Amino acid sequence: MDKKKFRFYYGIVLIAVGLGVFYRIPQVMPQIETIEFFRQKLVLVKLCFYILGVFLILAGGIRIYRTRKDN
């Protein structure tokens, strides 16, 4: 596979994983609430998950943009 195609598809995968993080947060948070250590830190945990999702989507978008810009 061409290196540019790989970078493009890798960017798509990053965006998909980032969107998957946003989709899974509401489903996973009740499970995290059952862990005693995280009970007092739920806002911080949720914020970290959302930041992770944003970074994944941003990284995928940058990778796709740079791949298309190089053409």
N, C-alpha and C. Protein backbone atom coordinates (compact mmCIF):
# COMPACT_ATOMS: atom_id res chain seq x y z
N MET A 1 0.84 -1.17 0.00
CA MET A 1 0.00 0.00 0.00
C MET A 1 0.89 1.24 0.00
N ASP A 2 0.44 2.24 -0.70
CA ASP A 2 1.16 3.50 -0.78
C ASP A 2 1.21 4.17 0.59
N LYS A 3 2.30 4.88 0.86
CA LYS A 3 2.47 5.52 2.17
C LYS A 3 1.41 6.61 2.40
N LYS A 4 1.05 7.34 1.35
CA LYS A 4 0.04 8.39 1.50
C LYS A 4 -1.35 7.79 1.76
N LYS A 5 -1.65 6.68 1.11
CA LYS A 5 -2.94 6.01 1.35
C LYS A 5 -3.00 5.51 2.79
N PHE A 6 -1.88 4.96 3.25
CA PHE A 6 -1.83 4.47 4.63
C PHE A 6 -2.08 5.61 5.61
N ARG A 7 -1.43 6.74 5.39
CA ARG A 7 -1.62 7.89 6.28
C ARG A 7 -3.06 8.38 6.25
N PHE A 8 -3.65 8.40 5.07
CA PHE A 8 -5.04 8.84 4.93
C PHE A 8 -5.98 7.91 5.70
N TYR A 9 -5.83 6.61 5.49
CA TYR A 9 -6.70 5.66 6.17
C TYR A 9 -6.45 5.62 7.68
N TYR A 10 -5.20 5.83 8.06
CA TYR A 10 -4.88 5.90 9.48
C TYR A 10 -5.57 7.11 10.12
N GLY A 11 -5.64 8.22 9.40
CA GLY A 11 -6.37 9.39 9.88
C GLY A 11 -7.85 9.09 10.06
N ILE A 12 -8.42 8.35 9.12
CA ILE A 12 -9.83 7.97 9.23
C ILE A 12 -10.05 7.08 10.46
N VAL A 13 -9.12 6.15 10.69
CA VAL A 13 -9.22 5.27 11.86
C VAL A 13 -9.13 6.08 13.15
N LEU A 14 -8.23 7.05 13.19
CA LEU A 14 -8.11 7.89 14.39
C LEU A 14 -9.41 8.64 14.68
N ILE A 15 -10.02 9.18 13.64
CA ILE A 15 -11.28 9.90 13.81
C ILE A 15 -12.37 8.94 14.29
N ALA A 16 -12.41 7.75 13.72
CA ALA A 16 -13.43 6.76 14.12
C ALA A 16 -13.24 6.36 15.58
N VAL A 17 -12.00 6.18 16.00
CA VAL A 17 -11.74 5.81 17.40
C VAL A 17 -12.12 6.97 18.32
N GLY A 18 -11.83 8.20 17.92
CA GLY A 18 -12.23 9.36 18.72
C GLY A 18 -13.74 9.45 18.88
N LEU A 19 -14.46 9.21 17.80
CA LEU A 19 -15.92 9.22 17.89
C LEU A 19 -16.42 8.05 18.74
N GLY A 20 -15.73 6.93 18.66
CA GLY A 20 -16.08 5.79 19.50
C GLY A 20 -15.90 6.08 20.97
N VAL A 21 -14.89 6.87 21.31
CA VAL A 21 -14.69 7.27 22.70
C VAL A 21 -15.89 8.09 23.18
N PHE A 22 -16.33 9.04 22.35
CA PHE A 22 -17.50 9.84 22.73
C PHE A 22 -18.75 8.98 22.88
N TYR A 23 -18.87 7.97 22.04
CA TYR A 23 -20.04 7.09 22.09
C TYR A 23 -20.02 6.23 23.35
N ARG A 24 -18.85 5.80 23.78
CA ARG A 24 -18.74 4.86 24.90
C ARG A 24 -18.74 5.53 26.28
N ILE A 25 -18.45 6.81 26.36
CA ILE A 25 -18.35 7.47 27.67
C ILE A 25 -19.61 7.29 28.50
N PRO A 26 -20.81 7.57 27.98
CA PRO A 26 -22.01 7.38 28.82
C PRO A 26 -22.24 5.93 29.25
N GLN A 27 -21.76 4.98 28.47
CA GLN A 27 -21.96 3.58 28.81
C GLN A 27 -20.95 3.10 29.85
N VAL A 28 -19.77 3.69 29.86
CA VAL A 28 -18.70 3.24 30.74
C VAL A 28 -18.73 3.94 32.10
N MET A 29 -19.25 5.14 32.15
CA MET A 29 -19.22 5.91 33.40
C MET A 29 -19.94 5.20 34.56
N PRO A 30 -21.09 4.55 34.36
CA PRO A 30 -21.69 3.81 35.51
C PRO A 30 -20.79 2.71 36.05
N GLN A 31 -20.01 2.09 35.18
CA GLN A 31 -19.08 1.05 35.64
C GLN A 31 -17.94 1.67 36.43
N ILE A 32 -17.49 2.85 36.01
CA ILE A 32 -16.41 3.53 36.72
C ILE A 32 -16.90 4.03 38.08
N GLU A 33 -18.17 4.41 38.17
CA GLU A 33 -18.73 4.87 39.44
C GLU A 33 -18.68 3.79 40.52
N THR A 34 -18.69 2.53 40.11
CA THR A 34 -18.67 1.46 41.10
C THR A 34 -17.28 1.28 41.73
N ILE A 35 -16.24 1.84 41.13
CA ILE A 35 -14.89 1.74 41.68
C ILE A 35 -14.74 2.81 42.76
N GLU A 36 -14.43 2.40 43.94
CA GLU A 36 -14.38 3.31 45.10
C GLU A 36 -13.39 4.46 44.88
N PHE A 37 -12.25 4.19 44.30
CA PHE A 37 -11.21 5.21 44.13
C PHE A 37 -11.68 6.36 43.25
N PHE A 38 -12.47 6.05 42.20
CA PHE A 38 -12.88 7.07 41.24
C PHE A 38 -14.19 7.76 41.60
N ARG A 39 -14.82 7.35 42.67
CA ARG A 39 -16.13 7.91 43.02
C ARG A 39 -16.07 9.42 43.25
N GLN A 40 -15.02 9.90 43.85
CA GLN A 40 -14.88 11.33 44.14
C GLN A 40 -14.31 12.11 42.96
N LYS A 41 -13.83 11.40 41.93
CA LYS A 41 -13.14 12.05 40.82
C LYS A 41 -13.84 11.83 39.49
N LEU A 42 -15.13 11.66 39.49
CA LEU A 42 -15.86 11.34 38.26
C LEU A 42 -15.78 12.45 37.23
N VAL A 43 -15.83 13.69 37.68
CA VAL A 43 -15.76 14.81 36.74
C VAL A 43 -14.40 14.82 36.04
N LEU A 44 -13.35 14.58 36.80
CA LEU A 44 -12.00 14.55 36.22
C LEU A 44 -11.85 13.40 35.23
N VAL A 45 -12.38 12.24 35.58
CA VAL A 45 -12.29 11.08 34.69
C VAL A 45 -13.06 11.34 33.40
N LYS A 46 -14.26 11.89 33.52
CA LYS A 46 -15.07 12.20 32.33
C LYS A 46 -14.37 13.25 31.47
N LEU A 47 -13.79 14.26 32.09
CA LEU A 47 -13.05 15.29 31.36
C LEU A 47 -11.87 14.68 30.61
N CYS A 48 -11.15 13.78 31.24
CA CYS A 48 -10.01 13.13 30.59
C CYS A 48 -10.45 12.30 29.39
N PHE A 49 -11.56 11.59 29.52
CA PHE A 49 -12.07 10.82 28.38
C PHE A 49 -12.46 11.73 27.22
N TYR A 50 -13.12 12.85 27.52
CA TYR A 50 -13.51 13.77 26.46
C TYR A 50 -12.28 14.40 25.81
N ILE A 51 -11.28 14.76 26.59
CA ILE A 51 -10.05 15.32 26.03
C ILE A 51 -9.37 14.29 25.14
N LEU A 52 -9.34 13.03 25.56
CA LEU A 52 -8.77 11.97 24.74
C LEU A 52 -9.49 11.86 23.40
N GLY A 53 -10.81 11.90 23.44
CA GLY A 53 -11.59 11.84 22.20
C GLY A 53 -11.31 13.01 21.28
N VAL A 54 -11.21 14.21 21.85
CA VAL A 54 -10.92 15.40 21.05
C VAL A 54 -9.53 15.28 20.41
N PHE A 55 -8.54 14.83 21.19
CA PHE A 55 -7.19 14.68 20.64
C PHE A 55 -7.15 13.65 19.51
N LEU A 56 -7.87 12.56 19.66
CA LEU A 56 -7.90 11.55 18.60
C LEU A 56 -8.52 12.09 17.33
N ILE A 57 -9.64 12.79 17.46
CA ILE A 57 -10.30 13.37 16.29
C ILE A 57 -9.41 14.44 15.65
N LEU A 58 -8.79 15.27 16.47
CA LEU A 58 -7.91 16.31 15.97
C LEU A 58 -6.70 15.71 15.25
N ALA A 59 -6.10 14.69 15.82
CA ALA A 59 -4.95 14.04 15.19
C ALA A 59 -5.33 13.41 13.85
N GLY A 60 -6.49 12.77 13.80
CA GLY A 60 -6.95 12.20 12.54
C GLY A 60 -7.22 13.26 11.49
N GLY A 61 -7.83 14.35 11.91
CA GLY A 61 -8.10 15.44 10.97
C GLY A 61 -6.83 16.07 10.44
N ILE A 62 -5.85 16.26 11.30
CA ILE A 62 -4.57 16.82 10.87
C ILE A 62 -3.88 15.88 9.90
N ARG A 63 -3.92 14.58 10.20
CA ARG A 63 -3.27 13.60 9.32
C ARG A 63 -3.93 13.58 7.94
N ILE A 64 -5.25 13.63 7.89
CA ILE A 64 -5.95 13.65 6.61
C ILE A 64 -5.67 14.94 5.87
N TYR A 65 -5.69 16.06 6.59
CA TYR A 65 -5.44 17.36 5.96
C TYR A 65 -4.04 17.41 5.35
N ARG A 66 -3.04 16.95 6.09
CA ARG A 66 -1.66 16.97 5.57
C ARG A 66 -1.48 16.02 4.40
N THR A 67 -2.17 14.89 4.45
CA THR A 67 -2.08 13.95 3.32
C THR A 67 -2.69 14.55 2.08
N ARG A 68 -3.83 15.18 2.20
CA ARG A 68 -4.49 15.80 1.04
C ARG A 68 -3.75 17.04 0.57
N LYS A 69 -3.11 17.76 1.48
CA LYS A 69 -2.36 18.97 1.12
C LYS A 69 -1.11 18.61 0.31
N ASP A 70 -0.51 17.45 0.59
CA ASP A 70 0.71 17.04 -0.11
C ASP A 70 0.45 16.59 -1.53
N ASN A 71 -0.80 16.31 -1.89
CA ASN A 71 -1.10 15.86 -3.26
C ASN A 71 -0.91 16.95 -4.21
